[in-house]
Amino acid sequence: MESDGGASIAERLRRDIGRLTPNERRAAHRLLAEYPMAGLDTAARFGEAAGVSAPTVLRMIAKLGFASYGAFQDGLKAELAAQRETPLTKGGTRRDGDPLDTFARAAIANLRATAENVPREEFDAAVRLIADPRRPLHLLGGRFTDAIAAYMAAHLRVLRPQVQHIEGQPAAWFDRLLDIGKQDVIVLFDIRRYSDDLIGFAERAAGRGARIILITDQWLSPISKVARHVLPAHVPAPSVWDSSAGLLLLAEALTAAVAEQGGAARGRLEALERLRRGG
């Protein structure tokens, strides 16, 4: 497989789907809908499930940079193994050199790979939804990523109305579904080991018509199956835990882009400054 900035197969599909033929796009959509398992079947069965021929499947994977179907499946298997890594399997290897420099280099590489591989049309569409003041906006993350959801919500509350960070125990999240419908936008953060609670919440919210924006890792949370827009960040780090630098990059870049959407955000900033001055 050719080098492509460390992009996962899922990232390549989402980023480059526009240059595929209609039949190749059908195969790509099938793979994304059942990622990565659909691609672990034979090319003939994969094609049959997608409603295309096996040669169409092979042409699609060739455009992704794979010389053979076997190499493509090896790539999927490696990603599946990466998805299932735990802190015990990630850590435990002593690394020589300056630990701060080692980690910084990994974080910088993640930032670059994230910026290179996020589809710009997906990013722009997410900005439009988040910036729309008519749409109630909800943010939520997993065990470690919810701190980024809260951070993003705190900034967005300044820029637009109707912003809520969903808090509390997972059992209480479903109470929010009573008031969530087709006008609502939900920003979810979910990286490996993916949260079953978040997945369940996303599926139910999507079933009620909410538009879901998923910020995930390069292997894609299962929430991607019901998300309207998917923004992958690169997260590997020389640590027992993944790095959130790429996730924070996306959260801050989205917020910055929302601040540039029309005059409403600036008007709220000016009003806030007047309130702080007692005016």
Protein backbone atom coordinates (compact mmCIF):
# COMPACT_ATOMS: atom_id res chain seq x y z
CA MET A 1 0.00 0.00 0.00
CA GLU A 2 1.29 3.42 -0.88
CA SER A 3 2.04 5.86 1.92
CA ASP A 4 -0.82 8.29 2.45
CA GLY A 5 0.00 10.33 5.53
CA GLY A 6 -0.99 7.50 7.85
CA ALA A 7 -4.63 7.66 6.74
CA SER A 8 -6.80 4.68 7.65
CA ILE A 9 -8.79 2.91 4.96
CA ALA A 10 -11.97 4.44 6.37
CA GLU A 11 -10.44 7.93 6.13
CA ARG A 12 -9.40 7.34 2.54
CA LEU A 13 -12.88 6.20 1.60
CA ARG A 14 -14.58 9.23 3.14
CA ARG A 15 -11.97 11.67 1.84
CA ASP A 16 -11.75 10.35 -1.72
CA ILE A 17 -15.25 8.99 -2.34
CA GLY A 18 -15.97 11.83 -4.77
CA ARG A 19 -13.43 10.52 -7.28
CA LEU A 20 -14.95 7.03 -7.42
CA THR A 21 -17.36 5.94 -10.14
CA PRO A 22 -21.04 5.46 -9.12
CA ASN A 23 -20.62 1.68 -8.79
CA GLU A 24 -17.37 2.07 -6.88
CA ARG A 25 -19.17 4.48 -4.53
CA ARG A 26 -21.81 1.80 -3.92
CA ALA A 27 -19.06 -0.56 -2.83
CA ALA A 28 -17.50 2.15 -0.66
CA HIS A 29 -20.83 2.92 1.03
CA ARG A 30 -21.33 -0.77 1.71
CA LEU A 31 -17.92 -1.01 3.35
CA LEU A 32 -18.50 2.10 5.47
CA ALA A 33 -21.92 0.82 6.54
CA GLU A 34 -20.39 -2.40 7.89
CA TYR A 35 -16.85 -1.28 8.58
CA PRO A 36 -14.52 -3.14 8.54
CA MET A 37 -16.29 -6.50 8.46
CA ALA A 38 -17.82 -6.11 4.98
CA GLY A 39 -14.33 -5.99 3.48
CA LEU A 40 -13.23 -9.19 5.22
CA ASP A 41 -15.53 -11.28 3.04
CA THR A 42 -14.49 -12.46 -0.42
CA ALA A 43 -14.48 -9.88 -3.19
CA ALA A 44 -17.37 -11.69 -4.87
CA ARG A 45 -19.54 -11.68 -1.74
CA PHE A 46 -18.57 -8.11 -0.92
CA GLY A 47 -19.58 -7.05 -4.41
CA GLU A 48 -22.83 -9.02 -4.27
CA ALA A 49 -23.80 -7.37 -0.98
CA ALA A 50 -23.06 -3.95 -2.51
CA GLY A 51 -24.89 -4.75 -5.75
CA VAL A 52 -21.76 -4.49 -7.90
CA SER A 53 -19.32 -6.88 -9.53
CA ALA A 54 -16.13 -8.23 -7.97
CA PRO A 55 -14.01 -6.35 -10.57
CA THR A 56 -15.68 -3.11 -9.42
CA VAL A 57 -14.61 -3.89 -5.86
CA LEU A 58 -11.05 -4.51 -7.03
CA ARG A 59 -10.99 -1.22 -8.95
CA MET A 60 -12.19 0.59 -5.84
CA ILE A 61 -9.44 -0.84 -3.64
CA ALA A 62 -6.84 -0.12 -6.33
CA LYS A 63 -7.83 3.55 -6.13
CA LEU A 64 -7.21 3.34 -2.39
CA GLY A 65 -3.64 2.29 -3.10
CA PHE A 66 -3.81 -1.49 -2.68
CA ALA A 67 -2.10 -3.80 -5.14
CA SER A 68 -4.30 -6.78 -4.27
CA TYR A 69 -7.45 -7.76 -2.40
CA GLY A 70 -5.29 -9.69 0.06
CA ALA A 71 -3.29 -6.56 0.90
CA PHE A 72 -6.55 -4.65 1.36
CA GLN A 73 -7.82 -7.29 3.79
CA ASP A 74 -4.51 -7.28 5.66
CA GLY A 75 -4.96 -3.53 6.11
CA LEU A 76 -8.48 -4.00 7.47
CA LYS A 77 -7.29 -6.70 9.87
CA ALA A 78 -4.52 -4.42 11.15
CA GLU A 79 -7.08 -1.66 11.75
CA LEU A 80 -9.40 -4.07 13.54
CA ALA A 81 -6.52 -5.08 15.81
CA ALA A 82 -5.74 -1.40 16.46
CA GLN A 83 -9.37 -0.71 17.36
CA ARG A 84 -9.22 -3.44 19.98
CA GLU A 85 -6.02 -2.30 21.65
CA THR A 86 -6.23 -1.73 25.38
CA PRO A 87 -3.95 0.25 27.73
CA LEU A 88 -2.26 -3.05 28.64
CA THR A 89 -1.49 -3.94 25.02
CA LYS A 90 -0.47 -0.37 24.10
CA GLY A 91 1.86 0.29 27.01
CA GLY A 92 4.68 -1.54 28.68
CA THR A 93 7.39 -0.81 26.10
CA ARG A 94 10.23 1.32 27.45
CA ARG A 95 11.34 3.99 25.01
CA ASP A 96 14.75 5.62 25.01
CA GLY A 97 15.27 9.35 24.75
CA ASP A 98 13.50 12.40 26.10
CA PRO A 99 9.90 11.39 26.96
CA LEU A 100 8.56 14.93 26.45
CA ASP A 101 10.15 15.21 23.01
CA THR A 102 8.97 11.72 22.06
CA PHE A 103 5.38 12.49 23.01
CA ALA A 104 5.49 15.95 21.41
CA ARG A 105 6.64 14.47 18.11
CA ALA A 106 3.77 11.97 18.19
CA ALA A 107 1.24 14.70 19.00
CA ILE A 108 2.52 16.94 16.21
CA ALA A 109 2.31 14.03 13.77
CA ASN A 110 -1.29 13.45 14.87
CA LEU A 111 -2.16 17.10 14.31
CA ARG A 112 -0.71 17.03 10.80
CA ALA A 113 -2.40 13.76 9.87
CA THR A 114 -5.73 14.98 11.24
CA ALA A 115 -5.59 18.21 9.23
CA GLU A 116 -4.56 16.34 6.07
CA ASN A 117 -7.25 13.67 6.19
CA VAL A 118 -10.44 15.43 7.31
CA PRO A 119 -12.69 15.85 4.24
CA ARG A 120 -13.17 19.59 3.85
CA GLU A 121 -16.76 19.26 2.67
CA GLU A 122 -17.54 17.31 5.85
CA PHE A 123 -15.87 19.96 8.01
CA ASP A 124 -17.70 22.81 6.25
CA ALA A 125 -21.05 21.04 6.54
CA ALA A 126 -20.46 20.46 10.25
CA VAL A 127 -19.67 24.15 10.73
CA ARG A 128 -22.93 25.16 9.05
CA LEU A 129 -24.97 22.92 11.32
CA ILE A 130 -23.17 23.97 14.51
CA ALA A 131 -23.45 27.66 13.60
CA ASP A 132 -27.21 27.56 12.91
CA PRO A 133 -28.81 29.32 15.91
CA ARG A 134 -32.21 27.85 15.05
CA ARG A 135 -30.97 24.35 15.81
CA PRO A 136 -30.59 23.27 19.45
CA LEU A 137 -27.06 21.96 19.91
CA HIS A 138 -25.99 19.19 22.30
CA LEU A 139 -22.46 17.94 23.00
CA LEU A 140 -21.34 14.73 24.68
CA GLY A 141 -18.26 12.53 24.88
CA GLY A 142 -16.92 9.37 26.44
CA ARG A 143 -14.94 8.70 29.59
CA PHE A 144 -11.99 10.90 28.64
CA THR A 145 -13.32 12.80 25.63
CA ASP A 146 -16.31 14.33 27.42
CA ALA A 147 -13.94 16.96 28.83
CA ILE A 148 -13.41 18.16 25.24
CA ALA A 149 -17.17 18.18 24.65
CA ALA A 150 -17.62 20.37 27.74
CA TYR A 151 -14.77 22.66 26.64
CA MET A 152 -16.29 23.09 23.18
CA ALA A 153 -19.76 23.72 24.62
CA ALA A 154 -18.40 26.44 26.91
CA HIS A 155 -17.03 28.33 23.90
CA LEU A 156 -20.05 27.78 21.68
CA ARG A 157 -22.43 29.15 24.33
CA VAL A 158 -20.79 32.51 23.80
CA LEU A 159 -21.26 32.35 20.04
CA ARG A 160 -24.82 31.07 19.73
CA PRO A 161 -27.91 30.23 21.81
CA GLN A 162 -29.35 26.82 22.73
CA VAL A 163 -26.08 25.01 23.51
CA GLN A 164 -26.17 22.19 26.05
CA HIS A 165 -23.45 19.89 27.36
CA ILE A 166 -25.17 16.62 28.24
CA GLU A 167 -24.03 15.64 31.73
CA GLY A 168 -24.78 13.00 34.33
CA GLN A 169 -24.94 9.22 34.26
CA PRO A 170 -25.66 7.44 30.95
CA ALA A 171 -29.07 6.39 32.23
CA ALA A 172 -30.00 10.08 32.46
CA TRP A 173 -28.91 10.82 28.88
CA PHE A 174 -32.02 9.17 27.54
CA ASP A 175 -34.21 11.71 29.34
CA ARG A 176 -32.79 14.26 26.89
CA LEU A 177 -34.17 12.26 23.98
CA LEU A 178 -37.69 13.34 24.93
CA ASP A 179 -36.90 16.84 23.68
CA ILE A 180 -34.60 15.92 20.78
CA GLY A 181 -35.98 15.88 17.26
CA LYS A 182 -35.30 16.74 13.64
CA GLN A 183 -34.07 20.26 14.36
CA ASP A 184 -31.44 19.18 16.86
CA VAL A 185 -27.71 18.76 16.24
CA ILE A 186 -25.60 16.48 18.45
CA VAL A 187 -21.80 16.61 18.50
CA LEU A 188 -20.37 13.36 19.86
CA PHE A 189 -16.76 12.47 20.71
CA ASP A 190 -15.93 8.76 20.68
CA ILE A 191 -12.56 7.04 20.26
CA ARG A 192 -11.31 3.51 20.83
CA ARG A 193 -12.40 1.66 23.17
CA TYR A 194 -15.73 2.89 21.90
CA SER A 195 -18.50 3.59 24.39
CA ASP A 196 -21.54 1.33 24.19
CA ASP A 197 -23.54 3.99 26.04
CA LEU A 198 -22.65 6.64 23.46
CA ILE A 199 -23.43 4.28 20.60
CA GLY A 200 -26.86 3.51 22.06
CA PHE A 201 -27.59 7.19 22.61
CA ALA A 202 -26.51 8.07 19.06
CA GLU A 203 -28.67 5.37 17.51
CA ARG A 204 -31.75 6.52 19.40
CA ALA A 205 -31.11 10.20 18.67
CA ALA A 206 -30.64 9.46 14.97
CA GLY A 207 -33.86 7.49 15.04
CA ARG A 208 -35.62 10.64 16.26
CA GLY A 209 -34.22 12.59 13.32
CA ALA A 210 -31.36 14.44 15.06
CA ARG A 211 -28.32 15.27 12.97
CA ILE A 212 -25.20 13.77 14.48
CA ILE A 213 -21.69 15.10 14.00
CA LEU A 214 -19.12 12.53 15.10
CA ILE A 215 -15.57 13.41 16.08
CA THR A 216 -13.73 10.10 16.31
CA ASP A 217 -10.41 8.37 15.65
CA GLN A 218 -9.04 7.27 12.29
CA TRP A 219 -10.63 3.82 12.62
CA LEU A 220 -14.14 5.29 13.09
CA SER A 221 -16.46 4.65 16.01
CA PRO A 222 -19.53 2.53 15.18
CA ILE A 223 -21.48 5.78 15.62
CA SER A 224 -20.26 6.64 12.10
CA LYS A 225 -23.04 4.39 10.77
CA VAL A 226 -25.71 6.84 11.99
CA ALA A 227 -23.73 10.10 11.89
CA ARG A 228 -24.55 12.76 9.30
CA HIS A 229 -20.94 14.01 9.31
CA VAL A 230 -17.77 12.24 10.48
CA LEU A 231 -14.52 14.05 11.36
CA PRO A 232 -11.66 11.64 12.15
CA ALA A 233 -8.68 12.62 14.27
CA HIS A 234 -5.41 10.73 14.63
CA VAL A 235 -4.86 9.59 18.22
CA PRO A 236 -1.91 7.10 18.59
CA ALA A 237 0.69 8.07 21.17
CA PRO A 238 3.68 6.53 22.98
CA SER A 239 1.48 5.97 26.04
CA VAL A 240 -0.99 3.54 27.52
CA TRP A 241 -3.63 6.09 26.47
CA ASP A 242 -4.36 7.75 23.15
CA SER A 243 -3.62 11.43 22.55
CA SER A 244 -6.50 13.93 22.40
CA ALA A 245 -4.48 16.59 20.55
CA GLY A 246 -6.18 15.86 17.22
CA LEU A 247 -9.63 15.88 18.84
CA LEU A 248 -8.92 19.22 20.47
CA LEU A 249 -7.68 20.57 17.13
CA LEU A 250 -11.02 19.71 15.51
CA ALA A 251 -13.03 21.12 18.43
CA GLU A 252 -11.15 24.41 18.34
CA ALA A 253 -11.10 24.64 14.53
CA LEU A 254 -14.87 24.08 14.39
CA THR A 255 -15.43 26.71 17.07
CA ALA A 256 -13.17 29.20 15.28
CA ALA A 257 -15.01 28.62 12.01
CA VAL A 258 -18.39 29.11 13.72
CA ALA A 259 -17.14 32.44 15.09
CA GLU A 260 -16.55 33.58 11.50
CA GLN A 261 -20.07 32.71 10.32
CA GLY A 262 -21.91 36.00 9.76
CA GLY A 263 -22.41 38.73 12.33
CA ALA A 264 -24.49 36.88 14.92
CA ALA A 265 -21.50 35.46 16.77
CA ARG A 266 -19.75 38.83 16.82
CA GLY A 267 -22.92 40.49 18.07
CA ARG A 268 -23.06 38.07 21.00
CA LEU A 269 -19.40 38.70 21.78
CA GLU A 270 -20.02 42.45 21.81
CA ALA A 271 -23.08 42.01 24.05
CA LEU A 272 -21.06 39.85 26.44
CA GLU A 273 -18.35 42.50 26.68
CA ARG A 274 -20.97 45.15 27.49
CA LEU A 275 -22.36 42.94 30.25
CA ARG A 276 -18.89 42.45 31.70
CA ARG A 277 -18.37 46.19 31.76
CA GLY A 278 -21.71 46.62 33.49
CA GLY A 279 -23.29 48.29 30.47
